[in-house]
Amino acid sequence: ATYTRDWGDAGITNFTAAWNWTETDVDRAGEEVGRNRILDLENFNPENRGIFTVNHMLRDFRFMVRASYYDDWVEASNSGDPAYTPGGTDYDLDCTLGVDNCYDGEWIFDAEVGYTLNGRYDFIVGAQNLFDEEGPTDLDNVASNAIISGNYKTTTTPWGFDGGFYYFRFVASLD
């Protein structure tokens, strides 16, 4: 959904909201497909994701703020699930520490400011993941009280695990 508001001399603002709902169900699996793969296919991607963006233009300046929401997700790691039989698709999700790795959702914020000089030169400063959210600690490490996965933070976050990205861009338009 998009809504545009003209504020007169104070500029123009575009408000945009987008939402995605994803549900995956594995109906059939061969014996070569294990329980953890089925659980990952069904739960690894967040069911809900929302993006809310505000863009404001004021003469030669432009401003953007974006809030992205990522729902909970699961990384399967339970090899001893009694509800699973090879070739089947039934399993029990177990979020107990040390069994399946269940992570909470998160809000991530981006921002950008741009200025156009003489209609040809754009100077842009921005940040993706403005508040440097690296993602949660890898639950395999918490369960074992050691860094057994080789990573302190989980690498499965839907928004990336490496934190904030800050940038400056210069664009020259040739007429």
Protein backbone atom coordinates (compact mmCIF):
# COMPACT_ATOMS: atom_id res chain seq x y z
CA ALA A 1 0.00 0.00 0.00
CA THR A 2 1.26 3.46 -0.85
CA TYR A 3 0.01 6.87 0.18
CA THR A 4 1.44 10.17 -1.04
CA ARG A 5 1.02 13.44 0.84
CA ASP A 6 1.89 16.86 -0.63
CA TRP A 7 2.78 19.28 2.18
CA GLY A 8 3.14 22.30 -0.13
CA ASP A 9 6.35 24.19 0.60
CA ALA A 10 7.33 21.51 3.14
CA GLY A 11 7.75 18.85 0.42
CA ILE A 12 6.15 15.56 -0.59
CA THR A 13 6.07 12.37 1.48
CA ASN A 14 5.46 8.83 0.22
CA PHE A 15 4.37 6.26 2.81
CA THR A 16 4.68 2.62 1.78
CA ALA A 17 3.68 -0.51 3.68
CA ALA A 18 4.30 -4.05 2.42
CA TRP A 19 3.62 -7.34 4.15
CA ASN A 20 4.56 -10.87 3.14
CA TRP A 21 3.12 -14.07 4.57
CA THR A 22 4.92 -17.33 3.74
CA GLU A 23 3.79 -20.77 4.77
CA THR A 24 5.52 -23.90 3.51
CA ASP A 25 4.18 -27.41 4.12
CA VAL A 26 6.06 -30.53 3.08
CA ASP A 27 3.39 -33.08 2.12
CA ARG A 28 5.67 -35.88 0.98
CA ALA A 29 9.33 -36.76 1.46
CA GLY A 30 11.53 -39.68 0.51
CA GLU A 31 13.63 -41.51 3.07
CA GLU A 32 16.70 -39.58 1.92
CA VAL A 33 15.10 -36.36 3.27
CA GLY A 34 15.60 -36.17 7.02
CA ARG A 35 13.54 -34.63 9.78
CA ASN A 36 15.76 -31.56 10.17
CA ARG A 37 15.55 -30.72 6.45
CA ILE A 38 11.74 -30.95 6.53
CA LEU A 39 11.56 -28.78 9.64
CA ASP A 40 13.91 -26.22 8.05
CA LEU A 41 11.85 -26.11 4.86
CA GLU A 42 8.71 -25.41 6.89
CA ASN A 43 10.12 -23.08 9.59
CA PHE A 44 13.45 -21.57 8.50
CA ASN A 45 11.89 -18.56 6.75
CA PRO A 46 9.76 -16.27 8.91
CA GLU A 47 6.03 -16.62 8.26
CA ASN A 48 5.53 -12.85 8.43
CA ARG A 49 7.66 -10.02 7.15
CA GLY A 50 6.67 -6.38 7.00
CA ILE A 51 8.37 -3.36 5.51
CA PHE A 52 7.30 0.20 6.25
CA THR A 53 9.02 3.01 4.35
CA VAL A 54 8.75 6.80 4.48
CA ASN A 55 10.36 8.84 1.67
CA HIS A 56 10.29 12.61 1.91
CA MET A 57 11.42 14.97 -0.85
CA LEU A 58 12.06 18.65 -0.11
CA ARG A 59 13.50 20.60 -3.01
CA ASP A 60 17.02 19.13 -3.58
CA PHE A 61 16.94 16.97 -0.45
CA ARG A 62 15.45 13.52 0.07
CA PHE A 63 15.09 11.49 3.23
CA MET A 64 14.24 7.84 3.68
CA VAL A 65 13.47 5.81 6.82
CA ARG A 66 12.57 2.13 6.66
CA ALA A 67 11.46 -0.29 9.37
CA SER A 68 11.53 -4.00 8.49
CA TYR A 69 9.99 -6.68 10.69
CA TYR A 70 11.07 -10.31 10.54
CA ASP A 71 8.96 -12.90 12.38
CA ASP A 72 10.31 -15.83 14.43
CA TRP A 73 12.27 -18.58 12.66
CA VAL A 74 13.70 -22.01 13.50
CA GLU A 75 16.95 -23.77 12.68
CA ALA A 76 16.44 -27.51 13.14
CA SER A 77 19.03 -29.49 15.07
CA ASN A 78 17.14 -32.32 16.79
CA SER A 79 18.24 -35.73 15.55
CA GLY A 80 16.46 -37.68 18.29
CA ASP A 81 12.82 -36.74 17.58
CA PRO A 82 10.64 -39.79 18.41
CA ALA A 83 7.73 -38.38 16.35
CA TYR A 84 9.73 -38.60 13.11
CA THR A 85 10.00 -41.74 11.00
CA PRO A 86 12.18 -41.86 7.85
CA GLY A 87 10.11 -41.04 4.77
CA GLY A 88 7.47 -39.26 6.84
CA THR A 89 6.75 -35.58 7.34
CA ASP A 90 5.57 -35.56 10.97
CA TYR A 91 7.86 -34.20 13.66
CA ASP A 92 7.71 -32.41 16.99
CA LEU A 93 9.22 -28.93 17.11
CA ASP A 94 11.11 -28.64 20.40
CA CYS A 95 12.36 -25.16 21.32
CA THR A 96 14.04 -26.43 24.47
CA LEU A 97 17.60 -25.11 24.66
CA GLY A 98 19.92 -27.65 23.05
CA VAL A 99 17.24 -29.24 20.86
CA ASP A 100 15.85 -27.12 17.98
CA ASN A 101 17.11 -23.53 17.68
CA CYS A 102 14.08 -21.22 17.88
CA TYR A 103 14.78 -17.51 17.43
CA ASP A 104 12.63 -14.45 18.07
CA GLY A 105 11.71 -11.95 15.38
CA GLU A 106 13.31 -8.54 15.13
CA TRP A 107 12.82 -5.01 13.82
CA ILE A 108 15.61 -3.64 11.59
CA PHE A 109 15.87 0.05 10.62
CA ASP A 110 17.46 1.72 7.59
CA ALA A 111 17.93 5.42 6.85
CA GLU A 112 19.23 7.53 3.98
CA VAL A 113 19.71 11.24 3.24
CA GLY A 114 20.39 12.54 -0.26
CA TYR A 115 21.13 15.90 -1.82
CA THR A 116 21.14 16.78 -5.52
CA LEU A 117 23.45 19.59 -6.64
CA ASN A 118 22.68 21.43 -9.90
CA GLY A 119 20.33 18.64 -10.95
CA ARG A 120 23.34 16.46 -11.86
CA TYR A 121 25.29 15.44 -8.78
CA ASP A 122 23.81 13.28 -6.04
CA PHE A 123 25.41 12.93 -2.62
CA ILE A 124 23.89 10.15 -0.54
CA VAL A 125 24.67 9.01 3.02
CA GLY A 126 22.89 6.02 4.47
CA ALA A 127 22.75 3.02 6.71
CA GLN A 128 21.32 -0.44 6.30
CA ASN A 129 20.64 -2.00 9.70
CA LEU A 130 21.14 1.40 11.30
CA PHE A 131 21.37 0.13 14.91
CA ASP A 132 23.88 -2.62 14.03
CA GLU A 133 21.66 -5.62 14.93
CA GLU A 134 23.99 -8.59 14.43
CA GLY A 135 21.42 -11.18 15.30
CA PRO A 136 21.08 -13.48 18.28
CA THR A 137 23.78 -15.62 19.81
CA ASP A 138 23.96 -19.07 18.18
CA LEU A 139 21.84 -21.27 20.46
CA ASP A 140 24.12 -24.28 19.87
CA ASN A 141 26.80 -22.28 21.70
CA VAL A 142 24.48 -21.35 24.58
CA ALA A 143 23.41 -24.98 25.05
CA SER A 144 27.01 -26.25 25.18
CA ASN A 145 28.48 -23.18 26.94
CA ALA A 146 31.15 -23.07 24.21
CA ILE A 147 31.51 -21.85 20.63
CA ILE A 148 30.96 -25.24 18.98
CA SER A 149 29.40 -23.96 15.75
CA GLY A 150 32.43 -21.81 14.92
CA ASN A 151 30.27 -18.67 15.10
CA TYR A 152 29.38 -16.56 18.11
CA LYS A 153 26.23 -15.20 16.39
CA THR A 154 23.87 -17.39 14.41
CA THR A 155 24.40 -17.06 10.65
CA THR A 156 20.76 -17.93 9.90
CA THR A 157 19.17 -14.54 10.63
CA PRO A 158 16.77 -13.42 7.89
CA TRP A 159 18.29 -9.92 7.98
CA GLY A 160 21.93 -11.03 7.87
CA PHE A 161 24.38 -11.66 10.68
CA ASP A 162 27.09 -9.08 10.02
CA GLY A 163 25.43 -6.02 11.55
CA GLY A 164 25.13 -2.53 10.12
CA PHE A 165 26.32 -1.34 6.72
CA TYR A 166 27.04 2.38 6.40
CA TYR A 167 27.73 4.06 3.08
CA PHE A 168 28.33 7.20 1.06
CA ARG A 169 27.44 7.34 -2.64
CA PHE A 170 28.20 9.93 -5.25
CA VAL A 171 26.38 9.85 -8.59
CA ALA A 172 27.12 12.15 -11.51
CA SER A 173 24.56 12.30 -14.32
CA LEU A 174 25.92 13.15 -17.75
CA ASP A 175 23.59 15.13 -19.99
